Amino acid sequence: MAGRRAPTALLAEVRRCRICADMLPLGPRPLVQLHPAARILVAAQAPGRAAHETGIPFNDPSGERLRAWLGLTRAQFYDAERVAIVPMGLCYPGRGRSGDLPPRPECAPRWRAPLLGQLRRLELTLVIGQYALAYHLPGERGGLTQVVQRWRDFWPAVVPLPHPSPRNNGWLARHPWFERELLPQLRQHVAEIMQR
């Protein structure tokens, strides 16, 4: 298609990105998993330190929990032809006082539209965390909890999720409906998509 970069050329360009190199404590290492055939998009915040160090997105306890939520094996989750992983910030932003810093603001305006434009067969977008929520569900009122509670309003194309970090154990304990109502439906939906 005219004007559209080939996925391999775009990914090579993304991996050379140095837009915010001076602001990244460990330097740039853009992490993205993308293939035009992917049917599921994991729209997350930014890679954590373990992901940065290994070069594998969600290669940490958050990833283990997310894969369990989705009912996916590690091999299925890292199959780029089925699952795309495109965080709001492609590089590890560093630590703050209460956890990782927010995604760098330079990243999404530069890379998000070209990357998401590659996903021609997308059936499900998993919107994880407040920064992804602001981008993928703009104008939604209330905090993350209120939007996740209204997950049926966006079903089946978009599913808002809390971050799967162990730091959110308290949130999960306070909102048992999430694991009782949303997750079984999500696992079934993901399984159906993966079979196509």
N, C-alpha and C. Protein backbone atom coordinates (compact mmCIF):
# COMPACT_ATOMS: atom_id res chain seq x y z
N MET A 1 0.85 -1.18 0.00
CA MET A 1 0.00 0.00 0.00
C MET A 1 0.90 1.24 0.00
N ALA A 2 0.58 2.20 -0.82
CA ALA A 2 1.39 3.40 -0.94
C ALA A 2 1.42 4.16 0.38
N GLY A 3 2.57 4.64 0.75
CA GLY A 3 2.73 5.43 1.96
C GLY A 3 2.88 4.62 3.24
N ARG A 4 2.67 3.35 3.17
CA ARG A 4 2.79 2.51 4.36
C ARG A 4 4.12 1.79 4.32
N ARG A 5 4.88 1.90 5.40
CA ARG A 5 6.17 1.22 5.47
C ARG A 5 5.98 -0.27 5.70
N ALA A 6 6.88 -1.06 5.18
CA ALA A 6 6.86 -2.50 5.43
C ALA A 6 7.13 -2.72 6.91
N PRO A 7 6.49 -3.73 7.52
CA PRO A 7 6.69 -3.97 8.95
C PRO A 7 8.15 -4.12 9.35
N THR A 8 8.92 -4.83 8.55
CA THR A 8 10.33 -5.03 8.93
C THR A 8 11.10 -3.73 8.91
N ALA A 9 10.84 -2.87 7.93
CA ALA A 9 11.52 -1.58 7.87
C ALA A 9 11.10 -0.70 9.03
N LEU A 10 9.81 -0.70 9.35
CA LEU A 10 9.32 0.11 10.47
C LEU A 10 9.92 -0.37 11.78
N LEU A 11 9.93 -1.68 12.01
CA LEU A 11 10.51 -2.20 13.26
C LEU A 11 11.99 -1.88 13.35
N ALA A 12 12.71 -1.94 12.25
CA ALA A 12 14.13 -1.59 12.27
C ALA A 12 14.30 -0.12 12.65
N GLU A 13 13.44 0.74 12.12
CA GLU A 13 13.49 2.17 12.45
C GLU A 13 13.18 2.39 13.93
N VAL A 14 12.15 1.71 14.42
CA VAL A 14 11.78 1.82 15.84
C VAL A 14 12.95 1.41 16.72
N ARG A 15 13.60 0.32 16.38
CA ARG A 15 14.68 -0.19 17.23
C ARG A 15 15.92 0.70 17.22
N ARG A 16 16.01 1.59 16.23
CA ARG A 16 17.12 2.57 16.19
C ARG A 16 16.76 3.87 16.89
N CYS A 17 15.53 3.98 17.38
CA CYS A 17 15.05 5.24 17.96
C CYS A 17 15.91 5.69 19.14
N ARG A 18 16.21 6.99 19.16
CA ARG A 18 16.97 7.59 20.25
C ARG A 18 16.35 8.90 20.70
N ILE A 19 15.06 9.08 20.44
CA ILE A 19 14.37 10.35 20.71
C ILE A 19 14.57 10.81 22.15
N CYS A 20 14.42 9.91 23.10
CA CYS A 20 14.51 10.32 24.51
C CYS A 20 15.68 9.64 25.21
N ALA A 21 16.72 9.32 24.47
CA ALA A 21 17.88 8.60 25.02
C ALA A 21 18.45 9.29 26.26
N ASP A 22 18.50 10.61 26.26
CA ASP A 22 19.10 11.34 27.38
C ASP A 22 18.26 11.26 28.66
N MET A 23 16.99 10.87 28.54
CA MET A 23 16.12 10.81 29.71
C MET A 23 15.94 9.39 30.25
N LEU A 24 16.54 8.42 29.59
CA LEU A 24 16.36 7.03 30.00
C LEU A 24 17.55 6.57 30.83
N PRO A 25 17.32 6.11 32.07
CA PRO A 25 18.43 5.77 32.96
C PRO A 25 19.29 4.61 32.45
N LEU A 26 18.70 3.68 31.72
CA LEU A 26 19.46 2.55 31.20
C LEU A 26 19.68 2.64 29.69
N GLY A 27 19.32 3.77 29.12
CA GLY A 27 19.47 3.96 27.68
C GLY A 27 18.31 3.36 26.92
N PRO A 28 18.23 3.66 25.63
CA PRO A 28 17.11 3.15 24.83
C PRO A 28 17.26 1.68 24.49
N ARG A 29 16.15 0.98 24.59
CA ARG A 29 16.02 -0.39 24.10
C ARG A 29 14.54 -0.61 23.80
N PRO A 30 14.07 -0.07 22.67
CA PRO A 30 12.66 -0.18 22.34
C PRO A 30 12.22 -1.64 22.24
N LEU A 31 11.14 -1.96 22.94
CA LEU A 31 10.60 -3.32 22.93
C LEU A 31 9.20 -3.30 22.35
N VAL A 32 9.04 -4.01 21.25
CA VAL A 32 7.75 -4.12 20.60
C VAL A 32 7.70 -5.48 19.91
N GLN A 33 6.53 -6.08 19.93
CA GLN A 33 6.29 -7.35 19.23
C GLN A 33 5.17 -7.07 18.24
N LEU A 34 5.44 -7.26 16.94
CA LEU A 34 4.47 -6.83 15.95
C LEU A 34 4.55 -7.68 14.69
N HIS A 35 3.39 -8.05 14.18
CA HIS A 35 3.27 -8.72 12.89
C HIS A 35 1.88 -8.36 12.34
N PRO A 36 1.75 -8.07 11.05
CA PRO A 36 0.44 -7.69 10.51
C PRO A 36 -0.66 -8.72 10.72
N ALA A 37 -0.32 -9.98 10.92
CA ALA A 37 -1.34 -11.03 11.11
C ALA A 37 -1.88 -11.08 12.54
N ALA A 38 -1.27 -10.37 13.48
CA ALA A 38 -1.70 -10.45 14.88
C ALA A 38 -3.16 -10.06 15.03
N ARG A 39 -3.88 -10.81 15.85
CA ARG A 39 -5.30 -10.56 16.10
C ARG A 39 -5.55 -9.95 17.47
N ILE A 40 -4.56 -10.06 18.36
CA ILE A 40 -4.69 -9.51 19.72
C ILE A 40 -3.59 -8.49 19.93
N LEU A 41 -3.96 -7.33 20.45
CA LEU A 41 -2.99 -6.28 20.79
C LEU A 41 -2.95 -6.11 22.30
N VAL A 42 -1.77 -6.21 22.87
CA VAL A 42 -1.54 -5.87 24.26
C VAL A 42 -1.03 -4.43 24.27
N ALA A 43 -1.90 -3.51 24.64
CA ALA A 43 -1.56 -2.09 24.70
C ALA A 43 -1.27 -1.75 26.16
N ALA A 44 0.00 -1.76 26.50
CA ALA A 44 0.41 -1.62 27.90
C ALA A 44 1.06 -0.25 28.14
N GLN A 45 1.75 -0.13 29.27
CA GLN A 45 2.34 1.13 29.68
C GLN A 45 3.74 1.32 29.10
N ALA A 46 4.71 0.61 29.67
CA ALA A 46 6.10 0.67 29.23
C ALA A 46 6.81 -0.56 29.79
N PRO A 47 7.88 -0.99 29.15
CA PRO A 47 8.59 -2.17 29.67
C PRO A 47 9.15 -1.91 31.07
N GLY A 48 9.18 -2.95 31.87
CA GLY A 48 9.84 -2.88 33.17
C GLY A 48 11.33 -3.16 33.03
N ARG A 49 12.01 -3.11 34.15
CA ARG A 49 13.47 -3.31 34.12
C ARG A 49 13.85 -4.71 33.63
N ALA A 50 13.13 -5.75 34.09
CA ALA A 50 13.45 -7.11 33.66
C ALA A 50 13.26 -7.25 32.16
N ALA A 51 12.21 -6.65 31.63
CA ALA A 51 11.99 -6.69 30.18
C ALA A 51 13.13 -5.98 29.46
N HIS A 52 13.53 -4.83 29.98
CA HIS A 52 14.65 -4.09 29.37
C HIS A 52 15.92 -4.94 29.35
N GLU A 53 16.20 -5.57 30.47
CA GLU A 53 17.45 -6.33 30.58
C GLU A 53 17.46 -7.56 29.68
N THR A 54 16.32 -8.19 29.49
CA THR A 54 16.26 -9.41 28.68
C THR A 54 15.86 -9.15 27.23
N GLY A 55 15.28 -7.98 26.97
CA GLY A 55 14.79 -7.69 25.63
C GLY A 55 13.49 -8.39 25.30
N ILE A 56 12.78 -8.88 26.33
CA ILE A 56 11.53 -9.61 26.14
C ILE A 56 10.42 -8.88 26.91
N PRO A 57 9.38 -8.37 26.23
CA PRO A 57 8.32 -7.68 26.96
C PRO A 57 7.57 -8.61 27.91
N PHE A 58 7.16 -8.07 29.02
CA PHE A 58 6.41 -8.82 30.03
C PHE A 58 7.16 -10.07 30.48
N ASN A 59 8.45 -9.98 30.58
CA ASN A 59 9.27 -11.10 31.04
C ASN A 59 9.51 -10.95 32.54
N ASP A 60 8.42 -10.99 33.30
CA ASP A 60 8.48 -10.74 34.74
C ASP A 60 7.19 -11.26 35.38
N PRO A 61 7.01 -11.09 36.69
CA PRO A 61 5.78 -11.56 37.33
C PRO A 61 4.50 -10.94 36.74
N SER A 62 4.58 -9.70 36.27
CA SER A 62 3.41 -9.10 35.62
C SER A 62 3.02 -9.89 34.38
N GLY A 63 4.02 -10.31 33.62
CA GLY A 63 3.75 -11.10 32.42
C GLY A 63 3.16 -12.45 32.76
N GLU A 64 3.66 -13.07 33.83
CA GLU A 64 3.10 -14.36 34.24
C GLU A 64 1.62 -14.22 34.58
N ARG A 65 1.30 -13.16 35.32
CA ARG A 65 -0.11 -12.95 35.70
C ARG A 65 -0.94 -12.63 34.46
N LEU A 66 -0.43 -11.79 33.56
CA LEU A 66 -1.18 -11.43 32.36
C LEU A 66 -1.46 -12.67 31.51
N ARG A 67 -0.46 -13.52 31.34
CA ARG A 67 -0.67 -14.75 30.56
C ARG A 67 -1.72 -15.65 31.22
N ALA A 68 -1.70 -15.70 32.55
CA ALA A 68 -2.72 -16.49 33.27
C ALA A 68 -4.11 -15.88 33.07
N TRP A 69 -4.20 -14.54 33.13
CA TRP A 69 -5.48 -13.89 32.89
C TRP A 69 -6.03 -14.25 31.52
N LEU A 70 -5.14 -14.33 30.52
CA LEU A 70 -5.55 -14.57 29.14
C LEU A 70 -5.69 -16.05 28.81
N GLY A 71 -5.15 -16.91 29.67
CA GLY A 71 -5.16 -18.34 29.39
C GLY A 71 -4.20 -18.72 28.29
N LEU A 72 -3.11 -17.98 28.16
CA LEU A 72 -2.12 -18.23 27.11
C LEU A 72 -0.84 -18.82 27.69
N THR A 73 -0.24 -19.72 26.94
CA THR A 73 1.09 -20.20 27.30
C THR A 73 2.10 -19.13 26.93
N ARG A 74 3.30 -19.29 27.42
CA ARG A 74 4.38 -18.37 27.06
C ARG A 74 4.61 -18.38 25.54
N ALA A 75 4.61 -19.56 24.95
CA ALA A 75 4.84 -19.68 23.50
C ALA A 75 3.73 -18.97 22.72
N GLN A 76 2.49 -19.11 23.13
CA GLN A 76 1.39 -18.43 22.45
C GLN A 76 1.51 -16.92 22.58
N PHE A 77 1.82 -16.47 23.78
CA PHE A 77 1.90 -15.03 24.06
C PHE A 77 3.00 -14.37 23.24
N TYR A 78 4.11 -15.07 23.04
CA TYR A 78 5.23 -14.49 22.30
C TYR A 78 5.22 -14.87 20.82
N ASP A 79 4.09 -15.33 20.32
CA ASP A 79 3.92 -15.59 18.89
C ASP A 79 3.43 -14.29 18.25
N ALA A 80 4.33 -13.56 17.59
CA ALA A 80 4.01 -12.24 17.04
C ALA A 80 2.92 -12.31 15.97
N GLU A 81 2.74 -13.45 15.34
CA GLU A 81 1.68 -13.56 14.33
C GLU A 81 0.30 -13.68 14.95
N ARG A 82 0.25 -13.82 16.27
CA ARG A 82 -1.03 -13.90 16.98
C ARG A 82 -1.22 -12.76 17.96
N VAL A 83 -0.14 -12.38 18.65
CA VAL A 83 -0.23 -11.37 19.71
C VAL A 83 0.78 -10.26 19.43
N ALA A 84 0.28 -9.05 19.31
CA ALA A 84 1.15 -7.87 19.20
C ALA A 84 1.29 -7.26 20.59
N ILE A 85 2.48 -6.78 20.91
CA ILE A 85 2.71 -6.09 22.19
C ILE A 85 3.31 -4.73 21.85
N VAL A 86 2.51 -3.70 22.04
CA VAL A 86 2.94 -2.34 21.70
C VAL A 86 2.62 -1.43 22.89
N PRO A 87 3.59 -1.21 23.78
CA PRO A 87 3.33 -0.35 24.93
C PRO A 87 3.28 1.13 24.53
N MET A 88 2.75 1.94 25.40
CA MET A 88 2.67 3.38 25.16
C MET A 88 4.07 3.99 25.07
N GLY A 89 4.96 3.53 25.91
CA GLY A 89 6.37 3.89 25.84
C GLY A 89 7.14 2.63 25.53
N LEU A 90 8.01 2.67 24.54
CA LEU A 90 8.68 1.45 24.08
C LEU A 90 9.93 1.11 24.88
N CYS A 91 10.40 2.04 25.70
CA CYS A 91 11.62 1.82 26.48
C CYS A 91 11.33 1.92 27.97
N TYR A 92 12.17 1.25 28.75
CA TYR A 92 12.05 1.31 30.21
C TYR A 92 12.30 2.75 30.66
N PRO A 93 11.33 3.37 31.37
CA PRO A 93 11.46 4.78 31.74
C PRO A 93 12.24 5.05 33.03
N GLY A 94 12.54 4.00 33.81
CA GLY A 94 13.22 4.19 35.08
C GLY A 94 12.26 4.09 36.25
N ARG A 95 12.82 4.18 37.47
CA ARG A 95 12.04 4.03 38.70
C ARG A 95 11.72 5.38 39.30
N GLY A 96 10.52 5.43 39.90
CA GLY A 96 10.11 6.58 40.69
C GLY A 96 9.98 6.16 42.14
N ARG A 97 9.36 7.00 42.94
CA ARG A 97 9.23 6.69 44.36
C ARG A 97 8.28 5.54 44.63
N SER A 98 7.27 5.37 43.78
CA SER A 98 6.28 4.32 44.06
C SER A 98 6.19 3.29 42.93
N GLY A 99 7.25 3.11 42.20
CA GLY A 99 7.26 2.15 41.10
C GLY A 99 7.90 2.74 39.87
N ASP A 100 7.70 2.08 38.74
CA ASP A 100 8.28 2.58 37.51
C ASP A 100 7.66 3.92 37.13
N LEU A 101 8.46 4.75 36.47
CA LEU A 101 7.97 6.05 36.00
C LEU A 101 6.98 5.84 34.85
N PRO A 102 6.19 6.87 34.55
CA PRO A 102 5.26 6.76 33.42
C PRO A 102 6.02 6.62 32.10
N PRO A 103 5.33 6.16 31.06
CA PRO A 103 5.97 6.09 29.75
C PRO A 103 6.46 7.47 29.32
N ARG A 104 7.57 7.53 28.62
CA ARG A 104 8.07 8.80 28.12
C ARG A 104 7.04 9.40 27.16
N PRO A 105 6.77 10.71 27.29
CA PRO A 105 5.71 11.33 26.47
C PRO A 105 6.06 11.48 24.99
N GLU A 106 7.33 11.35 24.64
CA GLU A 106 7.74 11.51 23.24
C GLU A 106 7.38 10.30 22.39
N CYS A 107 7.21 9.16 23.02
CA CYS A 107 7.14 7.89 22.31
C CYS A 107 5.84 7.68 21.53
N ALA A 108 4.71 7.75 22.20
CA ALA A 108 3.44 7.45 21.54
C ALA A 108 3.16 8.37 20.35
N PRO A 109 3.38 9.70 20.46
CA PRO A 109 3.11 10.54 19.29
C PRO A 109 3.97 10.18 18.08
N ARG A 110 5.16 9.68 18.33
CA ARG A 110 6.06 9.34 17.22
C ARG A 110 5.76 7.97 16.60
N TRP A 111 5.50 6.97 17.45
CA TRP A 111 5.47 5.60 16.96
C TRP A 111 4.12 4.90 16.97
N ARG A 112 3.19 5.34 17.79
CA ARG A 112 1.98 4.54 17.99
C ARG A 112 1.15 4.37 16.71
N ALA A 113 0.85 5.44 16.03
CA ALA A 113 0.02 5.34 14.82
C ALA A 113 0.68 4.47 13.74
N PRO A 114 1.97 4.67 13.42
CA PRO A 114 2.57 3.79 12.41
C PRO A 114 2.57 2.32 12.81
N LEU A 115 2.83 2.04 14.10
CA LEU A 115 2.86 0.65 14.54
C LEU A 115 1.47 0.03 14.50
N LEU A 116 0.49 0.71 15.06
CA LEU A 116 -0.86 0.16 15.09
C LEU A 116 -1.46 0.07 13.69
N GLY A 117 -1.00 0.93 12.78
CA GLY A 117 -1.46 0.87 11.40
C GLY A 117 -1.07 -0.41 10.68
N GLN A 118 -0.12 -1.15 11.24
CA GLN A 118 0.30 -2.42 10.66
C GLN A 118 -0.66 -3.56 10.99
N LEU A 119 -1.48 -3.37 12.01
CA LEU A 119 -2.32 -4.46 12.53
C LEU A 119 -3.65 -4.50 11.76
N ARG A 120 -3.66 -5.21 10.67
CA ARG A 120 -4.80 -5.22 9.75
C ARG A 120 -5.86 -6.26 10.12
N ARG A 121 -5.53 -7.19 11.01
CA ARG A 121 -6.47 -8.27 11.33
C ARG A 121 -6.89 -8.24 12.81
N LEU A 122 -6.66 -7.13 13.44
CA LEU A 122 -6.88 -7.00 14.88
C LEU A 122 -8.34 -7.26 15.26
N GLU A 123 -8.54 -8.10 16.27
CA GLU A 123 -9.87 -8.40 16.78
C GLU A 123 -10.06 -7.96 18.24
N LEU A 124 -8.97 -7.87 18.98
CA LEU A 124 -9.07 -7.57 20.41
C LEU A 124 -7.90 -6.70 20.83
N THR A 125 -8.22 -5.59 21.51
CA THR A 125 -7.21 -4.73 22.10
C THR A 125 -7.36 -4.79 23.61
N LEU A 126 -6.30 -5.19 24.29
CA LEU A 126 -6.26 -5.22 25.75
C LEU A 126 -5.61 -3.92 26.21
N VAL A 127 -6.38 -3.07 26.86
CA VAL A 127 -5.93 -1.75 27.28
C VAL A 127 -5.52 -1.86 28.74
N ILE A 128 -4.20 -1.79 28.97
CA ILE A 128 -3.67 -2.06 30.31
C ILE A 128 -3.09 -0.79 30.93
N GLY A 129 -3.76 -0.30 31.97
CA GLY A 129 -3.26 0.84 32.71
C GLY A 129 -3.78 2.17 32.18
N GLN A 130 -3.55 3.21 32.97
CA GLN A 130 -4.18 4.51 32.73
C GLN A 130 -3.67 5.22 31.47
N TYR A 131 -2.40 5.07 31.13
CA TYR A 131 -1.88 5.77 29.95
C TYR A 131 -2.42 5.14 28.67
N ALA A 132 -2.50 3.82 28.63
CA ALA A 132 -3.09 3.15 27.48
C ALA A 132 -4.59 3.46 27.41
N LEU A 133 -5.22 3.54 28.56
CA LEU A 133 -6.65 3.86 28.61
C LEU A 133 -6.90 5.24 28.00
N ALA A 134 -6.09 6.23 28.37
CA ALA A 134 -6.27 7.59 27.84
C ALA A 134 -6.13 7.62 26.33
N TYR A 135 -5.27 6.77 25.78
CA TYR A 135 -5.05 6.75 24.33
C TYR A 135 -6.15 5.97 23.60
N HIS A 136 -6.47 4.79 24.08
CA HIS A 136 -7.37 3.90 23.36
C HIS A 136 -8.85 4.13 23.67
N LEU A 137 -9.14 4.71 24.82
CA LEU A 137 -10.53 5.02 25.18
C LEU A 137 -10.60 6.48 25.63
N PRO A 138 -10.26 7.40 24.74
CA PRO A 138 -10.24 8.81 25.12
C PRO A 138 -11.64 9.30 25.48
N GLY A 139 -11.68 10.17 26.45
CA GLY A 139 -12.97 10.73 26.85
C GLY A 139 -13.73 9.91 27.86
N GLU A 140 -13.23 8.73 28.21
CA GLU A 140 -13.91 7.94 29.23
C GLU A 140 -13.74 8.60 30.59
N ARG A 141 -14.83 8.81 31.26
CA ARG A 141 -14.80 9.47 32.57
C ARG A 141 -14.59 8.46 33.69
N GLY A 142 -14.08 8.99 34.80
CA GLY A 142 -13.81 8.13 35.93
C GLY A 142 -12.41 7.56 35.85
N GLY A 143 -11.98 6.94 36.89
CA GLY A 143 -10.65 6.34 36.91
C GLY A 143 -10.64 4.97 36.27
N LEU A 144 -9.50 4.36 36.33
CA LEU A 144 -9.31 3.05 35.72
C LEU A 144 -10.31 2.03 36.27
N THR A 145 -10.52 2.04 37.57
CA THR A 145 -11.45 1.08 38.17
C THR A 145 -12.84 1.19 37.57
N GLN A 146 -13.34 2.43 37.43
CA GLN A 146 -14.68 2.63 36.89
C GLN A 146 -14.76 2.15 35.44
N VAL A 147 -13.72 2.38 34.66
CA VAL A 147 -13.73 1.95 33.26
C VAL A 147 -13.66 0.43 33.18
N VAL A 148 -12.80 -0.18 34.00
CA VAL A 148 -12.72 -1.64 33.99
C VAL A 148 -14.06 -2.25 34.42
N GLN A 149 -14.74 -1.63 35.38
CA GLN A 149 -16.05 -2.13 35.81
C GLN A 149 -17.06 -2.09 34.66
N ARG A 150 -16.87 -1.19 33.72
CA ARG A 150 -17.78 -1.08 32.58
C ARG A 150 -17.23 -1.82 31.36
N TRP A 151 -16.47 -2.87 31.56
CA TRP A 151 -15.82 -3.59 30.46
C TRP A 151 -16.80 -4.06 29.41
N ARG A 152 -18.01 -4.38 29.80
CA ARG A 152 -19.01 -4.85 28.83
C ARG A 152 -19.37 -3.78 27.80
N ASP A 153 -19.19 -2.51 28.16
CA ASP A 153 -19.49 -1.42 27.22
C ASP A 153 -18.56 -1.43 26.01
N PHE A 154 -17.39 -2.01 26.15
CA PHE A 154 -16.38 -1.99 25.09
C PHE A 154 -16.21 -3.35 24.42
N TRP A 155 -16.81 -4.36 25.01
CA TRP A 155 -16.71 -5.74 24.56
C TRP A 155 -17.33 -5.89 23.18
N PRO A 156 -16.82 -6.71 22.29
CA PRO A 156 -15.68 -7.62 22.45
C PRO A 156 -14.37 -7.09 21.86
N ALA A 157 -14.37 -5.89 21.27
CA ALA A 157 -13.18 -5.40 20.56
C ALA A 157 -12.11 -4.85 21.50
N VAL A 158 -12.53 -4.28 22.63
CA VAL A 158 -11.60 -3.65 23.57
C VAL A 158 -11.93 -4.13 24.97
N VAL A 159 -10.88 -4.48 25.73
CA VAL A 159 -11.07 -4.87 27.12
C VAL A 159 -10.08 -4.08 27.98
N PRO A 160 -10.58 -3.17 28.82
CA PRO A 160 -9.70 -2.44 29.73
C PRO A 160 -9.33 -3.33 30.92
N LEU A 161 -8.07 -3.29 31.29
CA LEU A 161 -7.57 -4.12 32.39
C LEU A 161 -6.72 -3.30 33.34
N PRO A 162 -6.69 -3.68 34.62
CA PRO A 162 -5.71 -3.08 35.52
C PRO A 162 -4.33 -3.64 35.16
N HIS A 163 -3.30 -3.00 35.64
CA HIS A 163 -1.97 -3.55 35.38
C HIS A 163 -1.83 -4.86 36.16
N PRO A 164 -1.24 -5.89 35.54
CA PRO A 164 -1.11 -7.18 36.23
C PRO A 164 0.02 -7.25 37.24
N SER A 165 0.61 -6.14 37.57
CA SER A 165 1.71 -6.10 38.52
C SER A 165 1.31 -6.65 39.89
N PRO A 166 2.24 -7.33 40.57
CA PRO A 166 1.97 -7.74 41.96
C PRO A 166 1.63 -6.56 42.87
N ARG A 167 2.02 -5.34 42.47
CA ARG A 167 1.66 -4.15 43.25
C ARG A 167 0.15 -3.95 43.29
N ASN A 168 -0.58 -4.59 42.37
CA ASN A 168 -2.04 -4.44 42.32
C ASN A 168 -2.78 -5.57 43.03
N ASN A 169 -2.08 -6.34 43.86
CA ASN A 169 -2.76 -7.41 44.61
C ASN A 169 -3.90 -6.85 45.45
N GLY A 170 -3.69 -5.69 46.04
CA GLY A 170 -4.73 -5.06 46.85
C GLY A 170 -5.96 -4.72 46.02
N TRP A 171 -5.73 -4.19 44.83
CA TRP A 171 -6.85 -3.86 43.93
C TRP A 171 -7.64 -5.12 43.61
N LEU A 172 -6.95 -6.19 43.28
CA LEU A 172 -7.63 -7.45 42.95
C LEU A 172 -8.43 -7.97 44.13
N ALA A 173 -7.88 -7.84 45.33
CA ALA A 173 -8.59 -8.30 46.53
C ALA A 173 -9.86 -7.48 46.78
N ARG A 174 -9.79 -6.17 46.48
CA ARG A 174 -10.94 -5.29 46.71
C ARG A 174 -12.00 -5.40 45.61
N HIS A 175 -11.64 -6.00 44.49
CA HIS A 175 -12.57 -6.08 43.35
C HIS A 175 -12.68 -7.54 42.87
N PRO A 176 -13.26 -8.42 43.68
CA PRO A 176 -13.33 -9.84 43.31
C PRO A 176 -14.14 -10.09 42.04
N TRP A 177 -15.02 -9.17 41.65
CA TRP A 177 -15.79 -9.31 40.42
C TRP A 177 -14.88 -9.43 39.19
N PHE A 178 -13.68 -8.84 39.27
CA PHE A 178 -12.78 -8.86 38.12
C PHE A 178 -12.41 -10.30 37.75
N GLU A 179 -11.99 -11.08 38.76
CA GLU A 179 -11.60 -12.47 38.49
C GLU A 179 -12.83 -13.37 38.33
N ARG A 180 -13.93 -13.03 38.94
CA ARG A 180 -15.12 -13.86 38.88
C ARG A 180 -15.91 -13.65 37.59
N GLU A 181 -16.00 -12.40 37.11
CA GLU A 181 -16.87 -12.08 35.97
C GLU A 181 -16.09 -11.81 34.68
N LEU A 182 -15.10 -10.94 34.74
CA LEU A 182 -14.41 -10.54 33.52
C LEU A 182 -13.46 -11.61 33.01
N LEU A 183 -12.61 -12.15 33.86
CA LEU A 183 -11.55 -13.06 33.38
C LEU A 183 -12.08 -14.32 32.70
N PRO A 184 -13.12 -14.99 33.19
CA PRO A 184 -13.60 -16.17 32.44
C PRO A 184 -14.07 -15.81 31.03
N GLN A 185 -14.75 -14.68 30.89
CA GLN A 185 -15.20 -14.24 29.57
C GLN A 185 -14.01 -13.90 28.67
N LEU A 186 -13.01 -13.24 29.26
CA LEU A 186 -11.83 -12.86 28.49
C LEU A 186 -11.07 -14.10 28.02
N ARG A 187 -10.87 -15.07 28.90
CA ARG A 187 -10.16 -16.29 28.51
C ARG A 187 -10.87 -17.01 27.36
N GLN A 188 -12.19 -17.08 27.44
CA GLN A 188 -12.94 -17.75 26.37
C GLN A 188 -12.80 -16.98 25.06
N HIS A 189 -12.89 -15.66 25.12
CA HIS A 189 -12.77 -14.82 23.93
C HIS A 189 -11.38 -14.97 23.30
N VAL A 190 -10.35 -14.95 24.13
CA VAL A 190 -8.98 -15.11 23.64
C VAL A 190 -8.80 -16.48 23.01
N ALA A 191 -9.32 -17.52 23.65
CA ALA A 191 -9.20 -18.88 23.11
C ALA A 191 -9.86 -18.98 21.74
N GLU A 192 -11.01 -18.36 21.58
CA GLU A 192 -11.69 -18.39 20.28
C GLU A 192 -10.89 -17.67 19.21
N ILE A 193 -10.31 -16.53 19.56
CA ILE A 193 -9.49 -15.79 18.61
C ILE A 193 -8.24 -16.59 18.22
N MET A 194 -7.63 -17.22 19.19
CA MET A 194 -6.39 -17.97 18.93
C MET A 194 -6.64 -19.19 18.05
N GLN A 195 -7.85 -19.69 18.04
CA GLN A 195 -8.17 -20.86 17.21
C GLN A 195 -8.42 -20.50 15.75
N ARG A 196 -8.62 -19.23 15.46
CA ARG A 196 -8.91 -18.82 14.08
C ARG A 196 -7.66 -18.76 13.24
